[in-house]
Protein backbone atom coordinates (compact mmCIF):
# COMPACT_ATOMS: atom_id res chain seq x y z
CA MET A 1 -11.62 65.35 -3.51
CA ALA A 2 -13.23 62.21 -3.21
CA ILE A 3 -11.71 58.67 -3.51
CA GLN A 4 -12.88 56.14 -5.94
CA PRO A 5 -14.62 53.09 -5.00
CA LYS A 6 -11.86 51.19 -7.21
CA THR A 7 -9.10 52.75 -5.36
CA ALA A 8 -10.55 52.25 -2.18
CA ALA A 9 -11.22 49.04 -2.82
CA LEU A 10 -7.49 48.52 -3.75
CA ILE A 11 -6.58 50.11 -0.77
CA THR A 12 -8.88 47.61 1.19
CA ALA A 13 -7.41 44.53 -0.36
CA GLY A 14 -4.02 46.11 0.35
CA VAL A 15 -4.47 46.40 3.73
CA ALA A 16 -5.77 43.16 4.33
CA VAL A 17 -3.26 40.98 2.10
CA SER A 18 -0.47 42.80 4.01
CA ALA A 19 -2.19 42.72 7.22
CA GLY A 20 -2.18 38.54 6.67
CA ILE A 21 1.64 38.37 5.39
CA ALA A 22 2.31 40.26 8.56
CA TYR A 23 0.44 38.07 10.67
CA MET A 24 1.64 34.65 9.10
CA VAL A 25 5.75 36.00 9.71
CA TYR A 26 4.26 37.21 13.36
CA PHE A 27 3.43 33.61 14.55
CA ASP A 28 5.87 31.60 11.98
CA HIS A 29 8.76 34.01 13.92
CA LYS A 30 6.93 33.09 17.19
CA ARG A 31 6.80 29.29 16.69
CA ARG A 32 10.13 28.97 15.29
CA ASN A 33 11.46 30.65 18.46
CA ASP A 34 9.57 29.44 21.12
CA PRO A 35 11.53 26.10 22.87
CA ASN A 36 8.38 25.02 24.40
CA LEU A 37 6.89 23.92 21.00
CA LYS A 38 10.14 22.78 20.34
CA LYS A 39 10.15 20.42 23.00
CA LYS A 40 6.49 19.25 22.74
CA LEU A 41 7.11 18.49 18.79
CA LYS A 42 10.08 15.94 20.13
CA LYS A 43 7.73 14.50 22.93
CA GLU A 44 5.00 13.64 20.18
CA LYS A 45 7.51 12.22 17.84
CA LYS A 46 8.76 9.83 20.30
CA LYS A 47 5.22 9.15 21.45
CA ALA A 48 4.66 8.69 18.28
CA GLN A 49 7.34 5.63 17.83
CA LYS A 50 6.86 4.38 20.62
CA GLU A 51 3.25 3.35 19.48
CA MET A 52 4.49 2.19 16.15
CA LYS A 53 6.99 -0.07 18.00
CA LYS A 54 4.20 -1.26 20.10
CA ALA A 55 1.75 -2.06 17.05
CA GLU A 56 4.89 -3.59 15.23
CA GLU A 57 5.40 -5.82 18.14
CA LYS A 58 1.10 -6.41 18.57
CA VAL A 59 1.03 -7.49 14.88
CA LYS A 60 4.37 -9.89 15.22
CA SER A 61 2.70 -11.73 18.37
CA THR A 62 -0.63 -12.23 16.79
CA VAL A 63 0.85 -13.60 13.74
CA LEU A 64 3.15 -15.72 16.15
CA GLN A 65 0.13 -17.10 17.72
CA VAL A 66 -1.80 -17.64 14.39
CA ILE A 67 0.72 -19.82 13.15
CA GLU A 68 1.39 -21.81 16.54
CA GLN A 69 -3.10 -22.35 16.10
CA VAL A 70 -2.77 -23.16 12.45
CA MET A 71 0.39 -25.44 13.34
CA ASN A 72 -1.59 -27.00 16.08
CA ALA A 73 -4.95 -27.17 14.22
CA ALA A 74 -2.76 -29.31 11.39
CA GLU A 75 -1.37 -31.35 13.31
CA LYS A 76 -4.52 -32.65 14.89
CA GLU A 77 -6.87 -32.78 11.61
CA PRO A 78 -6.82 -36.20 10.21
CA LEU A 79 -5.53 -35.98 6.53
CA PRO A 80 -7.37 -38.53 3.99
CA THR A 81 -5.78 -41.28 2.13
CA THR A 82 -7.23 -42.49 -0.51
CA PRO A 83 -6.72 -40.18 -4.10
CA GLU A 84 -10.46 -39.67 -4.13
CA ALA A 85 -11.04 -38.45 -0.41
CA LYS A 86 -7.88 -36.20 -0.94
CA GLU A 87 -9.08 -34.16 -3.50
CA LYS A 88 -12.39 -34.09 -1.77
CA TYR A 89 -10.71 -32.71 1.08
CA PHE A 90 -8.67 -30.57 -1.39
CA MET A 91 -11.61 -28.90 -2.81
CA GLU A 92 -13.48 -28.50 0.50
CA GLN A 93 -10.41 -27.03 1.99
CA VAL A 94 -10.04 -24.47 -0.84
CA ALA A 95 -13.36 -23.60 -1.32
CA ALA A 96 -13.46 -22.74 3.02
CA GLY A 97 -9.79 -20.58 2.86
CA GLU A 98 -11.63 -18.68 -0.36
CA SER A 99 -15.19 -18.26 1.50
CA LEU A 100 -13.17 -16.61 3.94
CA CYS A 101 -11.14 -13.93 2.00
CA ASN A 102 -14.13 -13.12 0.52
CA ARG A 103 -15.21 -12.37 3.43
CA GLY A 104 -12.44 -9.57 3.99
CA GLU A 105 -9.45 -8.82 5.95
CA ALA A 106 -11.14 -9.57 9.28
CA PHE A 107 -11.28 -13.31 8.31
CA TYR A 108 -7.68 -13.40 6.76
CA ASN A 109 -6.14 -15.09 9.65
CA ASP A 110 -9.37 -17.72 10.13
CA ALA A 111 -8.03 -18.62 6.12
CA VAL A 112 -4.84 -19.53 6.73
CA LEU A 113 -5.55 -22.66 7.95
CA PRO A 114 -8.13 -24.13 4.78
CA PHE A 115 -5.43 -23.23 2.51
CA TYR A 116 -2.51 -24.42 4.59
CA LEU A 117 -4.59 -28.20 5.17
CA ALA A 118 -5.10 -28.15 1.29
CA LEU A 119 -1.79 -27.87 0.78
CA ARG A 120 -0.51 -30.63 2.63
CA VAL A 121 -2.72 -32.75 0.58
CA TYR A 122 -1.91 -31.48 -2.40
CA PRO A 123 0.48 -33.75 -4.79
CA ALA A 124 2.64 -30.91 -5.65
CA PRO A 125 3.04 -28.12 -3.17
CA MET A 126 5.45 -26.18 -5.19
CA GLU A 127 2.65 -26.17 -7.88
CA LEU A 128 0.07 -25.08 -5.85
CA ILE A 129 2.01 -22.36 -3.91
CA MET A 130 2.58 -20.88 -7.55
CA ILE A 131 -0.92 -20.59 -7.91
CA TYR A 132 -1.74 -19.23 -4.13
CA GLN A 133 0.76 -16.71 -4.78
CA LYS A 134 -1.60 -15.22 -7.80
CA THR A 135 -5.21 -16.08 -6.30
CA VAL A 136 -4.60 -15.55 -2.48
CA PRO A 137 -3.90 -12.69 -0.85
CA GLU A 138 -0.77 -11.12 0.28
CA PRO A 139 -1.04 -11.39 3.42
CA VAL A 140 -2.57 -15.08 4.12
CA PHE A 141 -0.10 -16.09 1.23
CA GLN A 142 2.69 -14.99 3.33
CA MET A 143 1.20 -16.42 6.67
CA VAL A 144 0.90 -20.04 4.44
CA ILE A 145 4.51 -19.90 3.21
CA ASN A 146 5.73 -19.19 7.07
CA ILE A 147 3.55 -22.00 8.32
CA MET A 148 5.09 -24.17 5.65
CA ALA A 149 8.56 -23.04 6.18
CA LEU A 150 8.37 -23.84 9.47
CA ASP A 151 6.88 -27.01 9.41
CA VAL A 152 9.56 -28.26 6.85
CA SER A 153 12.16 -27.28 9.20
CA ILE A 154 10.59 -28.94 12.47
CA ARG A 155 10.27 -32.45 10.07
CA GLN A 156 14.00 -31.67 9.36
């Protein structure tokens, strides 16, 4: 008596599925009970956490450097005195900041200075901050706010 092709295919498929399940169960058991694997995973997790802390510290130091550079550059920059000159200066600085923001995230740190200088000559800074909040990318806006808060605290 010969086995029908359909039955042979079903038996082959059943054996293949059973072998796959047995393979998965065996290696899952081996993985769960391997003490070296657990140690390795702990080490990798600690390493990843250290790298995250280093990256955060690097970002903070970069932000502080940018703030310091902008504050120094803003102190050296002479501000116009006449209303017409202030308006022209404001428009130039906003245009420069927008063009830097449009070039991409790599230029966000450079865009902070023009936006801050424009804020310094604007007659109603709170209104301009509201406009910045809606139009300027979030990282640039946060930096401008931080610089403004630092400037206010220094002046007091």
